[in-house]
Structure formats: structure tokens, C-alpha cells
């Protein structure tokens, strides 16, 4: 079951990941530190019940949150 509120920034982050960006590249593009993104991903994995980053990405695809 998906959380009721999915942030635009969460979709943006997963979109970057699916396009092959590394955390340092995403940090540069979004004006955030790599550590901030690591924490955000960890929090997203908890929120969505994902065990790995790949699992998190598959949840977004399966639920059509990203193309």
C-alpha cells in the first residue's frame, strides 16, 4: 500500500536515479548535499516499505508514479 502523500521531490529523486544519475550528480543538479540525498533515500525506503534502492524504484514503476 502506498503512502497517502507522495512528494514531488520524491518523484524527482527517483526519476534522477532511473536515468542513471549518481548521488553526487543529483546533488549538483538539485543543489543539495549527497548526504542529504542519502538520508532522503533511507527515509523514502522506510516510507514505501522498500528494502533496497532497486526495490524502491520498482515500487514507483509498478504504481505508475514515474514513466
N, C-alpha and C. Protein backbone atom coordinates (compact mmCIF):
# COMPACT_ATOMS: atom_id res chain seq x y z
N UNK A 1 0.84 -1.19 0.00
CA UNK A 1 0.00 0.00 0.00
C UNK A 1 0.88 1.25 0.00
N UNK A 2 0.52 2.19 -0.85
CA UNK A 2 1.29 3.42 -0.96
C UNK A 2 0.90 4.42 0.12
N UNK A 3 1.88 5.25 0.52
CA UNK A 3 1.55 6.34 1.46
C UNK A 3 0.56 7.29 0.79
N UNK A 4 -0.22 7.98 1.59
CA UNK A 4 -1.22 8.89 1.04
C UNK A 4 -0.58 10.11 0.37
N UNK A 5 0.53 10.57 0.93
CA UNK A 5 1.15 11.76 0.39
C UNK A 5 2.51 11.41 -0.21
N UNK A 6 2.65 11.63 -1.50
CA UNK A 6 3.91 11.41 -2.20
C UNK A 6 4.38 12.77 -2.69
N UNK A 7 5.56 13.15 -2.26
CA UNK A 7 6.07 14.48 -2.59
C UNK A 7 6.65 14.53 -4.01
N UNK A 8 6.55 15.70 -4.59
CA UNK A 8 7.12 15.93 -5.91
C UNK A 8 8.63 15.69 -5.87
N UNK A 9 9.28 16.07 -4.78
CA UNK A 9 10.73 15.88 -4.66
C UNK A 9 11.11 14.40 -4.62
N UNK A 10 10.23 13.55 -4.08
CA UNK A 10 10.48 12.11 -4.06
C UNK A 10 10.43 11.54 -5.47
N UNK A 11 9.45 11.98 -6.22
CA UNK A 11 9.35 11.54 -7.62
C UNK A 11 10.55 12.03 -8.42
N UNK A 12 10.95 13.27 -8.18
CA UNK A 12 12.10 13.85 -8.88
C UNK A 12 13.37 13.05 -8.58
N UNK A 13 13.60 12.71 -7.33
CA UNK A 13 14.79 11.96 -6.93
C UNK A 13 14.83 10.58 -7.58
N UNK A 14 13.71 9.87 -7.54
CA UNK A 14 13.67 8.54 -8.15
C UNK A 14 13.83 8.65 -9.67
N UNK A 15 13.31 9.69 -10.27
CA UNK A 15 13.47 9.90 -11.71
C UNK A 15 14.95 10.07 -12.06
N UNK A 16 15.66 10.87 -11.28
CA UNK A 16 17.10 11.01 -11.50
C UNK A 16 17.79 9.65 -11.40
N UNK A 17 17.45 8.88 -10.39
CA UNK A 17 18.08 7.57 -10.20
C UNK A 17 17.82 6.65 -11.38
N UNK A 18 16.59 6.65 -11.88
CA UNK A 18 16.26 5.77 -13.00
C UNK A 18 16.93 6.21 -14.30
N UNK A 19 17.35 7.46 -14.35
CA UNK A 19 18.05 7.95 -15.54
C UNK A 19 19.57 7.80 -15.41
N UNK A 20 20.02 7.08 -14.40
CA UNK A 20 21.42 6.75 -14.27
C UNK A 20 22.30 7.76 -13.57
N UNK A 21 21.70 8.76 -12.93
CA UNK A 21 22.49 9.74 -12.22
C UNK A 21 23.02 9.15 -10.92
N UNK A 22 24.25 9.51 -10.56
CA UNK A 22 24.81 9.12 -9.28
C UNK A 22 24.44 10.19 -8.26
N UNK A 23 24.54 9.86 -6.97
CA UNK A 23 24.13 10.82 -5.93
C UNK A 23 24.87 12.15 -6.05
N UNK A 24 26.16 12.11 -6.34
CA UNK A 24 26.91 13.38 -6.47
C UNK A 24 26.37 14.22 -7.61
N UNK A 25 25.98 13.58 -8.69
CA UNK A 25 25.41 14.32 -9.83
C UNK A 25 24.05 14.90 -9.48
N UNK A 26 23.23 14.10 -8.79
CA UNK A 26 21.91 14.58 -8.38
C UNK A 26 22.07 15.75 -7.41
N UNK A 27 23.02 15.62 -6.50
CA UNK A 27 23.27 16.69 -5.53
C UNK A 27 23.62 18.00 -6.24
N UNK A 28 24.47 17.89 -7.24
CA UNK A 28 24.87 19.07 -8.00
C UNK A 28 23.67 19.68 -8.73
N UNK A 29 22.87 18.83 -9.36
CA UNK A 29 21.71 19.30 -10.13
C UNK A 29 20.63 19.93 -9.25
N UNK A 30 20.45 19.39 -8.03
CA UNK A 30 19.36 19.83 -7.16
C UNK A 30 19.80 20.78 -6.06
N UNK A 31 21.10 21.08 -6.04
CA UNK A 31 21.63 22.00 -5.03
C UNK A 31 21.49 21.46 -3.61
N UNK A 32 21.71 20.16 -3.45
CA UNK A 32 21.66 19.51 -2.13
C UNK A 32 22.96 18.74 -1.92
N UNK A 33 23.24 18.40 -0.69
CA UNK A 33 24.45 17.62 -0.43
C UNK A 33 24.16 16.14 -0.67
N UNK A 34 25.20 15.38 -1.05
CA UNK A 34 25.00 13.94 -1.23
C UNK A 34 24.47 13.27 0.04
N UNK A 35 24.93 13.72 1.19
CA UNK A 35 24.48 13.15 2.46
C UNK A 35 22.97 13.39 2.67
N UNK A 36 22.51 14.57 2.32
CA UNK A 36 21.08 14.87 2.42
C UNK A 36 20.28 13.89 1.57
N UNK A 37 20.78 13.62 0.37
CA UNK A 37 20.10 12.69 -0.52
C UNK A 37 20.13 11.27 0.01
N UNK A 38 21.25 10.87 0.63
CA UNK A 38 21.33 9.54 1.24
C UNK A 38 20.27 9.37 2.33
N UNK A 39 20.14 10.40 3.15
CA UNK A 39 19.14 10.36 4.23
C UNK A 39 17.73 10.34 3.65
N UNK A 40 17.51 11.15 2.62
CA UNK A 40 16.19 11.21 1.99
C UNK A 40 15.82 9.84 1.40
N UNK A 41 16.78 9.18 0.75
CA UNK A 41 16.52 7.85 0.18
C UNK A 41 16.22 6.85 1.29
N UNK A 42 16.98 6.90 2.37
CA UNK A 42 16.73 5.99 3.50
C UNK A 42 15.33 6.20 4.06
N UNK A 43 14.93 7.45 4.19
CA UNK A 43 13.58 7.76 4.69
C UNK A 43 12.50 7.30 3.72
N UNK A 44 12.76 7.45 2.43
CA UNK A 44 11.81 7.00 1.42
C UNK A 44 11.67 5.48 1.45
N UNK A 45 12.77 4.77 1.63
CA UNK A 45 12.71 3.31 1.69
C UNK A 45 11.82 2.88 2.86
N UNK A 46 11.96 3.55 4.00
CA UNK A 46 11.08 3.24 5.15
C UNK A 46 9.63 3.57 4.82
N UNK A 47 9.40 4.74 4.26
CA UNK A 47 8.06 5.21 3.95
C UNK A 47 7.33 4.27 3.00
N UNK A 48 8.05 3.76 1.99
CA UNK A 48 7.43 2.92 0.98
C UNK A 48 7.59 1.42 1.25
N UNK A 49 8.30 1.09 2.34
CA UNK A 49 8.49 -0.32 2.69
C UNK A 49 9.44 -1.04 1.77
N UNK A 50 10.41 -0.32 1.22
CA UNK A 50 11.39 -0.91 0.30
C UNK A 50 12.63 -1.36 1.06
N UNK A 51 13.20 -2.47 0.63
CA UNK A 51 14.40 -2.99 1.28
C UNK A 51 15.68 -2.45 0.65
N UNK A 52 15.62 -2.16 -0.65
CA UNK A 52 16.79 -1.65 -1.37
C UNK A 52 16.36 -0.49 -2.26
N UNK A 53 17.35 0.19 -2.83
CA UNK A 53 17.03 1.28 -3.74
C UNK A 53 16.33 0.73 -4.99
N UNK A 54 16.78 -0.43 -5.46
CA UNK A 54 16.13 -1.05 -6.62
C UNK A 54 14.68 -1.38 -6.33
N UNK A 55 14.41 -1.85 -5.13
CA UNK A 55 13.04 -2.16 -4.73
C UNK A 55 12.21 -0.88 -4.71
N UNK A 56 12.79 0.20 -4.19
CA UNK A 56 12.10 1.49 -4.15
C UNK A 56 11.73 1.94 -5.56
N UNK A 57 12.68 1.83 -6.48
CA UNK A 57 12.44 2.23 -7.87
C UNK A 57 11.33 1.37 -8.48
N UNK A 58 11.35 0.07 -8.20
CA UNK A 58 10.32 -0.82 -8.76
C UNK A 58 8.94 -0.47 -8.22
N UNK A 59 8.86 -0.04 -6.97
CA UNK A 59 7.58 0.39 -6.40
C UNK A 59 7.04 1.59 -7.18
N UNK A 60 7.92 2.52 -7.50
CA UNK A 60 7.50 3.71 -8.26
C UNK A 60 7.02 3.32 -9.66
N UNK A 61 7.73 2.42 -10.32
CA UNK A 61 7.31 1.96 -11.66
C UNK A 61 5.98 1.21 -11.58
N UNK A 62 5.89 0.26 -10.67
CA UNK A 62 4.69 -0.57 -10.56
C UNK A 62 3.43 0.25 -10.32
N UNK A 63 3.58 1.32 -9.55
CA UNK A 63 2.44 2.15 -9.22
C UNK A 63 2.29 3.35 -10.15
N UNK A 64 3.07 3.31 -11.25
CA UNK A 64 2.98 4.34 -12.30
C UNK A 64 3.21 5.77 -11.77
N UNK A 65 4.13 5.88 -10.80
CA UNK A 65 4.49 7.19 -10.26
C UNK A 65 5.53 7.85 -11.15
N UNK A 66 6.25 7.01 -11.92
CA UNK A 66 7.20 7.51 -12.91
C UNK A 66 7.02 6.68 -14.18
N UNK A 67 7.49 7.25 -15.30
CA UNK A 67 7.38 6.55 -16.60
C UNK A 67 8.62 5.75 -16.88
